Amino acid sequence: MINRLLGSFEAISKRLVWLGGIMLIGAAFLVTIDVFARKFLNISLAGSDELSGYAFGMSTSLAFAYALLSRANIRVDAFYHLFPRWGRVASDIIGLALLLGFIGLIAYLGFNLLTDSFFHGSRSITPLRTPLAIPQTVWWLGLAFALLTGLLILVASLHAVFRKDWATIQRLVGVKSVDEQIDEETA
């Protein structure tokens, strides 16, 4: 059951990463066109900086779940390999729980911001007058999905702890081994 859910979340997270990547590439094209239009045609595409900022924020939050699932989050692991197995497992699970607490706080505060923007009809103070609830909704959905994904990983990890399935814990939340990193880079 948990493995099926993790597989579904991984498939969704891959699609969200692609969506975020497409937004970033679109923003890069828009900014490039704006730069050339300013240089050669002496006109500006008003709002390219604003739209690229929204694209960056949305694509970043859409990638958080994929980063959790692929264990791409940054860790300080200088002493990690010196810990006994139980110490590594404990640090992995505590680290994930702390990260989820941080994501949860941002998601909570972000939801408050989103609802304020929506109910007050907040718009950007630029010529585009973008309704802020639009990019904030995508941004918040990325955070919420990352939080749900992380909670699922935490539940699966705790389930593996009670089964003493060390390989599953390592696969879910452990620091990637050098061999795993090499395999990813050469694939």
C-alpha atoms as a PDB file:
ATOM      1  CA  MET A   1       0.000   0.000   0.000  1.00  0.00           C
ATOM      2  CA  ILE A   2       2.677   2.509   1.055  1.00  0.00           C
ATOM      3  CA  ASN A   3       4.912   1.496  -1.838  1.00  0.00           C
ATOM      4  CA  ARG A   4       2.056   2.037  -4.306  1.00  0.00           C
ATOM      5  CA  LEU A   5       1.389   5.463  -2.828  1.00  0.00           C
ATOM      6  CA  LEU A   6       5.080   6.335  -2.994  1.00  0.00           C
ATOM      7  CA  GLY A   7       5.122   5.257  -6.646  1.00  0.00           C
ATOM      8  CA  SER A   8       2.110   7.441  -7.404  1.00  0.00           C
ATOM      9  CA  PHE A   9       3.630  10.416  -5.600  1.00  0.00           C
ATOM     10  CA  GLU A  10       6.885   9.904  -7.485  1.00  0.00           C
ATOM     11  CA  ALA A  11       5.059   9.869 -10.833  1.00  0.00           C
ATOM     12  CA  ILE A  12       3.192  13.059  -9.924  1.00  0.00           C
ATOM     13  CA  SER A  13       6.366  14.735  -8.678  1.00  0.00           C
ATOM     14  CA  LYS A  14       8.159  13.968 -11.957  1.00  0.00           C
ATOM     15  CA  ARG A  15       5.345  15.636 -13.886  1.00  0.00           C
ATOM     16  CA  LEU A  16       5.469  18.651 -11.581  1.00  0.00           C
ATOM     17  CA  VAL A  17       9.237  18.967 -12.081  1.00  0.00           C
ATOM     18  CA  TRP A  18       8.711  18.918 -15.844  1.00  0.00           C
ATOM     19  CA  LEU A  19       6.007  21.561 -15.532  1.00  0.00           C
ATOM     20  CA  GLY A  20       8.330  23.732 -13.453  1.00  0.00           C
ATOM     21  CA  GLY A  21      11.136  23.234 -15.947  1.00  0.00           C
ATOM     22  CA  ILE A  22       8.878  24.277 -18.811  1.00  0.00           C
ATOM     23  CA  MET A  23       7.919  27.410 -16.860  1.00  0.00           C
ATOM     24  CA  LEU A  24      11.586  28.268 -16.290  1.00  0.00           C
ATOM     25  CA  ILE A  25      12.478  27.736 -19.936  1.00  0.00           C
ATOM     26  CA  GLY A  26       9.505  29.867 -20.954  1.00  0.00           C
ATOM     27  CA  ALA A  27      10.635  32.598 -18.566  1.00  0.00           C
ATOM     28  CA  ALA A  28      14.170  32.426 -19.965  1.00  0.00           C
ATOM     29  CA  PHE A  29      12.838  32.821 -23.514  1.00  0.00           C
ATOM     30  CA  LEU A  30      10.636  35.731 -22.446  1.00  0.00           C
ATOM     31  CA  VAL A  31      13.524  37.539 -20.739  1.00  0.00           C
ATOM     32  CA  THR A  32      15.795  36.857 -23.729  1.00  0.00           C
ATOM     33  CA  ILE A  33      13.233  38.279 -26.139  1.00  0.00           C
ATOM     34  CA  ASP A  34      12.818  41.297 -23.857  1.00  0.00           C
ATOM     35  CA  VAL A  35      16.580  41.923 -23.790  1.00  0.00           C
ATOM     36  CA  PHE A  36      16.864  41.722 -27.587  1.00  0.00           C
ATOM     37  CA  ALA A  37      13.759  43.893 -28.053  1.00  0.00           C
ATOM     38  CA  ARG A  38      15.254  46.538 -25.783  1.00  0.00           C
ATOM     39  CA  LYS A  39      18.614  46.439 -27.529  1.00  0.00           C
ATOM     40  CA  PHE A  40      17.536  46.333 -31.155  1.00  0.00           C
ATOM     41  CA  LEU A  41      13.974  47.691 -31.249  1.00  0.00           C
ATOM     42  CA  ASN A  42      14.164  50.090 -28.290  1.00  0.00           C
ATOM     43  CA  ILE A  43      10.962  48.621 -26.814  1.00  0.00           C
ATOM     44  CA  SER A  44      10.351  46.607 -23.685  1.00  0.00           C
ATOM     45  CA  LEU A  45       8.057  43.717 -22.968  1.00  0.00           C
ATOM     46  CA  ALA A  46       6.733  45.017 -19.702  1.00  0.00           C
ATOM     47  CA  GLY A  47       6.456  42.365 -17.047  1.00  0.00           C
ATOM     48  CA  SER A  48       9.025  39.823 -18.187  1.00  0.00           C
ATOM     49  CA  ASP A  49      10.890  40.238 -14.905  1.00  0.00           C
ATOM     50  CA  GLU A  50       7.680  39.848 -12.921  1.00  0.00           C
ATOM     51  CA  LEU A  51       6.559  36.751 -14.816  1.00  0.00           C
ATOM     52  CA  SER A  52       9.989  35.148 -14.563  1.00  0.00           C
ATOM     53  CA  GLY A  53       9.930  35.729 -10.796  1.00  0.00           C
ATOM     54  CA  TYR A  54       6.586  33.982 -10.541  1.00  0.00           C
ATOM     55  CA  ALA A  55       7.876  31.135 -12.713  1.00  0.00           C
ATOM     56  CA  PHE A  56      10.916  30.735 -10.475  1.00  0.00           C
ATOM     57  CA  GLY A  57       8.863  30.651  -7.269  1.00  0.00           C
ATOM     58  CA  MET A  58       6.289  28.241  -8.640  1.00  0.00           C
ATOM     59  CA  SER A  59       8.814  25.899 -10.260  1.00  0.00           C
ATOM     60  CA  THR A  60      10.891  25.778  -7.087  1.00  0.00           C
ATOM     61  CA  SER A  61       7.983  24.707  -4.896  1.00  0.00           C
ATOM     62  CA  LEU A  62       6.812  22.213  -7.525  1.00  0.00           C
ATOM     63  CA  ALA A  63      10.244  20.556  -7.361  1.00  0.00           C
ATOM     64  CA  PHE A  64      10.358  20.109  -3.569  1.00  0.00           C
ATOM     65  CA  ALA A  65       8.514  16.765  -3.556  1.00  0.00           C
ATOM     66  CA  TYR A  66      10.801  15.361  -6.249  1.00  0.00           C
ATOM     67  CA  ALA A  67      13.828  16.506  -4.243  1.00  0.00           C
ATOM     68  CA  LEU A  68      12.499  14.663  -1.183  1.00  0.00           C
ATOM     69  CA  LEU A  69      11.801  11.486  -3.121  1.00  0.00           C
ATOM     70  CA  SER A  70      15.171  11.490  -4.839  1.00  0.00           C
ATOM     71  CA  ARG A  71      17.009  12.454  -1.625  1.00  0.00           C
ATOM     72  CA  ALA A  72      18.415  15.548  -3.312  1.00  0.00           C
ATOM     73  CA  ASN A  73      18.070  17.782  -0.271  1.00  0.00           C
ATOM     74  CA  ILE A  74      21.352  19.127   1.058  1.00  0.00           C
ATOM     75  CA  ARG A  75      22.744  17.599   4.238  1.00  0.00           C
ATOM     76  CA  VAL A  76      25.871  18.022   6.251  1.00  0.00           C
ATOM     77  CA  ASP A  77      27.092  14.443   6.455  1.00  0.00           C
ATOM     78  CA  ALA A  78      30.720  14.819   7.526  1.00  0.00           C
ATOM     79  CA  PHE A  79      30.278  12.465  10.493  1.00  0.00           C
ATOM     80  CA  TYR A  80      27.263  10.563   9.197  1.00  0.00           C
ATOM     81  CA  HIS A  81      29.278   7.536   8.040  1.00  0.00           C
ATOM     82  CA  LEU A  82      30.959   7.295  11.435  1.00  0.00           C
ATOM     83  CA  PHE A  83      27.621   6.758  13.213  1.00  0.00           C
ATOM     84  CA  PRO A  84      26.417   3.248  14.020  1.00  0.00           C
ATOM     85  CA  ARG A  85      23.373   2.082  12.038  1.00  0.00           C
ATOM     86  CA  TRP A  86      20.895   3.216  14.673  1.00  0.00           C
ATOM     87  CA  GLY A  87      22.557   6.657  14.745  1.00  0.00           C
ATOM     88  CA  ARG A  88      22.292   7.017  10.965  1.00  0.00           C
ATOM     89  CA  VAL A  89      18.648   5.895  11.004  1.00  0.00           C
ATOM     90  CA  ALA A  90      17.835   8.255  13.865  1.00  0.00           C
ATOM     91  CA  SER A  91      19.574  11.206  12.197  1.00  0.00           C
ATOM     92  CA  ASP A  92      17.834  10.472   8.878  1.00  0.00           C
ATOM     93  CA  ILE A  93      14.380  10.325  10.440  1.00  0.00           C
ATOM     94  CA  ILE A  94      14.945  13.294  12.756  1.00  0.00           C
ATOM     95  CA  GLY A  95      16.335  15.293   9.845  1.00  0.00           C
ATOM     96  CA  LEU A  96      13.290  14.463   7.725  1.00  0.00           C
ATOM     97  CA  ALA A  97      10.945  15.366  10.588  1.00  0.00           C
ATOM     98  CA  LEU A  98      12.687  18.727  11.059  1.00  0.00           C
ATOM     99  CA  LEU A  99      12.555  19.426   7.332  1.00  0.00           C
ATOM    100  CA  LEU A 100       8.848  18.583   7.301  1.00  0.00           C
ATOM    101  CA  GLY A 101       8.306  20.906  10.244  1.00  0.00           C
ATOM    102  CA  PHE A 102       9.949  23.699   8.267  1.00  0.00           C
ATOM    103  CA  ILE A 103       7.952  22.933   5.109  1.00  0.00           C
ATOM    104  CA  GLY A 104       4.802  22.713   7.227  1.00  0.00           C
ATOM    105  CA  LEU A 105       5.454  26.133   8.743  1.00  0.00           C
ATOM    106  CA  ILE A 106       6.047  27.674   5.327  1.00  0.00           C
ATOM    107  CA  ALA A 107       2.923  25.955   3.958  1.00  0.00           C
ATOM    108  CA  TYR A 108       0.844  27.211   6.897  1.00  0.00           C
ATOM    109  CA  LEU A 109       2.061  30.790   6.577  1.00  0.00           C
ATOM    110  CA  GLY A 110       1.838  30.557   2.791  1.00  0.00           C
ATOM    111  CA  PHE A 111      -1.784  29.465   3.036  1.00  0.00           C
ATOM    112  CA  ASN A 112      -2.522  32.503   5.199  1.00  0.00           C
ATOM    113  CA  LEU A 113      -0.846  34.707   2.593  1.00  0.00           C
ATOM    114  CA  LEU A 114      -2.775  33.028  -0.225  1.00  0.00           C
ATOM    115  CA  THR A 115      -6.144  33.412   1.480  1.00  0.00           C
ATOM    116  CA  ASP A 116      -5.407  37.068   2.290  1.00  0.00           C
ATOM    117  CA  SER A 117      -4.466  37.715  -1.340  1.00  0.00           C
ATOM    118  CA  PHE A 118      -7.572  35.932  -2.568  1.00  0.00           C
ATOM    119  CA  PHE A 119     -10.098  37.558  -0.230  1.00  0.00           C
ATOM    120  CA  HIS A 120      -8.629  41.040  -0.576  1.00  0.00           C
ATOM    121  CA  GLY A 121      -8.176  40.757  -4.352  1.00  0.00           C
ATOM    122  CA  SER A 122      -4.487  41.654  -4.029  1.00  0.00           C
ATOM    123  CA  ARG A 123      -2.703  42.500  -7.244  1.00  0.00           C
ATOM    124  CA  SER A 124       0.924  43.177  -8.045  1.00  0.00           C
ATOM    125  CA  ILE A 125       2.009  46.810  -8.049  1.00  0.00           C
ATOM    126  CA  THR A 126       3.283  46.558 -11.611  1.00  0.00           C
ATOM    127  CA  PRO A 127       1.781  47.447 -14.986  1.00  0.00           C
ATOM    128  CA  LEU A 128       0.535  43.841 -15.338  1.00  0.00           C
ATOM    129  CA  ARG A 129      -1.547  44.096 -12.147  1.00  0.00           C
ATOM    130  CA  THR A 130      -1.319  40.302 -11.757  1.00  0.00           C
ATOM    131  CA  PRO A 131      -3.815  38.827  -9.279  1.00  0.00           C
ATOM    132  CA  LEU A 132      -1.359  37.499  -6.692  1.00  0.00           C
ATOM    133  CA  ALA A 133      -3.590  34.574  -5.768  1.00  0.00           C
ATOM    134  CA  ILE A 134      -2.793  32.919  -9.128  1.00  0.00           C
ATOM    135  CA  PRO A 135       0.970  32.369  -8.694  1.00  0.00           C
ATOM    136  CA  GLN A 136       0.549  31.955  -4.936  1.00  0.00           C
ATOM    137  CA  THR A 137      -1.928  29.111  -5.468  1.00  0.00           C
ATOM    138  CA  VAL A 138       0.543  27.155  -7.610  1.00  0.00           C
ATOM    139  CA  TRP A 139       3.342  27.969  -5.178  1.00  0.00           C
ATOM    140  CA  TRP A 140       1.281  26.791  -2.197  1.00  0.00           C
ATOM    141  CA  LEU A 141       0.105  23.620  -3.961  1.00  0.00           C
ATOM    142  CA  GLY A 142       3.755  22.721  -4.537  1.00  0.00           C
ATOM    143  CA  LEU A 143       4.479  23.218  -0.840  1.00  0.00           C
ATOM    144  CA  ALA A 144       1.416  21.216   0.196  1.00  0.00           C
ATOM    145  CA  PHE A 145       2.326  18.356  -2.128  1.00  0.00           C
ATOM    146  CA  ALA A 146       5.896  18.366  -0.801  1.00  0.00           C
ATOM    147  CA  LEU A 147       4.555  18.220   2.762  1.00  0.00           C
ATOM    148  CA  LEU A 148       2.249  15.296   1.935  1.00  0.00           C
ATOM    149  CA  THR A 149       5.075  13.525   0.126  1.00  0.00           C
ATOM    150  CA  GLY A 150       7.409  14.024   3.064  1.00  0.00           C
ATOM    151  CA  LEU A 151       4.811  12.754   5.524  1.00  0.00           C
ATOM    152  CA  LEU A 152       4.327   9.652   3.387  1.00  0.00           C
ATOM    153  CA  ILE A 153       8.099   9.091   3.311  1.00  0.00           C
ATOM    154  CA  LEU A 154       8.225   9.554   7.093  1.00  0.00           C
ATOM    155  CA  VAL A 155       5.421   7.022   7.651  1.00  0.00           C
ATOM    156  CA  ALA A 156       7.093   4.548   5.282  1.00  0.00           C
ATOM    157  CA  SER A 157      10.418   5.051   7.080  1.00  0.00           C
ATOM    158  CA  LEU A 158       8.918   4.519  10.522  1.00  0.00           C
ATOM    159  CA  HIS A 159       7.127   1.428   9.225  1.00  0.00           C
ATOM    160  CA  ALA A 160      10.493   0.146   7.975  1.00  0.00           C
ATOM    161  CA  VAL A 161      12.093   0.885  11.365  1.00  0.00           C
ATOM    162  CA  PHE A 162       9.550  -1.319  13.129  1.00  0.00           C
ATOM    163  CA  ARG A 163      10.211  -4.075  10.586  1.00  0.00           C
ATOM    164  CA  LYS A 164      13.982  -3.519  10.939  1.00  0.00           C
ATOM    165  CA  ASP A 165      14.190  -3.105   7.163  1.00  0.00           C
ATOM    166  CA  TRP A 166      17.414  -1.097   7.051  1.00  0.00           C
ATOM    167  CA  ALA A 167      17.702  -1.212   3.265  1.00  0.00           C
ATOM    168  CA  THR A 168      14.295   0.451   2.837  1.00  0.00           C
ATOM    169  CA  ILE A 169      15.162   3.152   5.335  1.00  0.00           C
ATOM    170  CA  GLN A 170      18.402   3.832   3.482  1.00  0.00           C
ATOM    171  CA  ARG A 171      16.537   3.948   0.141  1.00  0.00           C
ATOM    172  CA  LEU A 172      13.879   6.307   1.491  1.00  0.00           C
ATOM    173  CA  VAL A 173      15.765   8.760   3.693  1.00  0.00           C
ATOM    174  CA  GLY A 174      19.418   7.773   3.886  1.00  0.00           C
ATOM    175  CA  VAL A 175      22.313   9.730   2.461  1.00  0.00           C
ATOM    176  CA  LYS A 176      23.112   8.556  -1.052  1.00  0.00           C
ATOM    177  CA  SER A 177      26.181   6.381  -1.278  1.00  0.00           C
ATOM    178  CA  VAL A 178      28.983   7.251  -3.657  1.00  0.00           C
ATOM    179  CA  ASP A 179      27.938   4.316  -5.866  1.00  0.00           C
ATOM    180  CA  GLU A 180      24.364   5.619  -6.042  1.00  0.00           C
ATOM    181  CA  GLN A 181      25.608   9.063  -7.011  1.00  0.00           C
ATOM    182  CA  ILE A 182      27.877   7.637  -9.691  1.00  0.00           C
ATOM    183  CA  ASP A 183      25.048   5.514 -11.084  1.00  0.00           C
ATOM    184  CA  GLU A 184      22.788   8.581 -11.294  1.00  0.00           C
ATOM    185  CA  GLU A 185      25.423  10.652 -13.041  1.00  0.00           C
ATOM    186  CA  THR A 186      26.255   7.979 -15.591  1.00  0.00           C
ATOM    187  CA  ALA A 187      22.647   6.992 -16.338  1.00  0.00           C
END
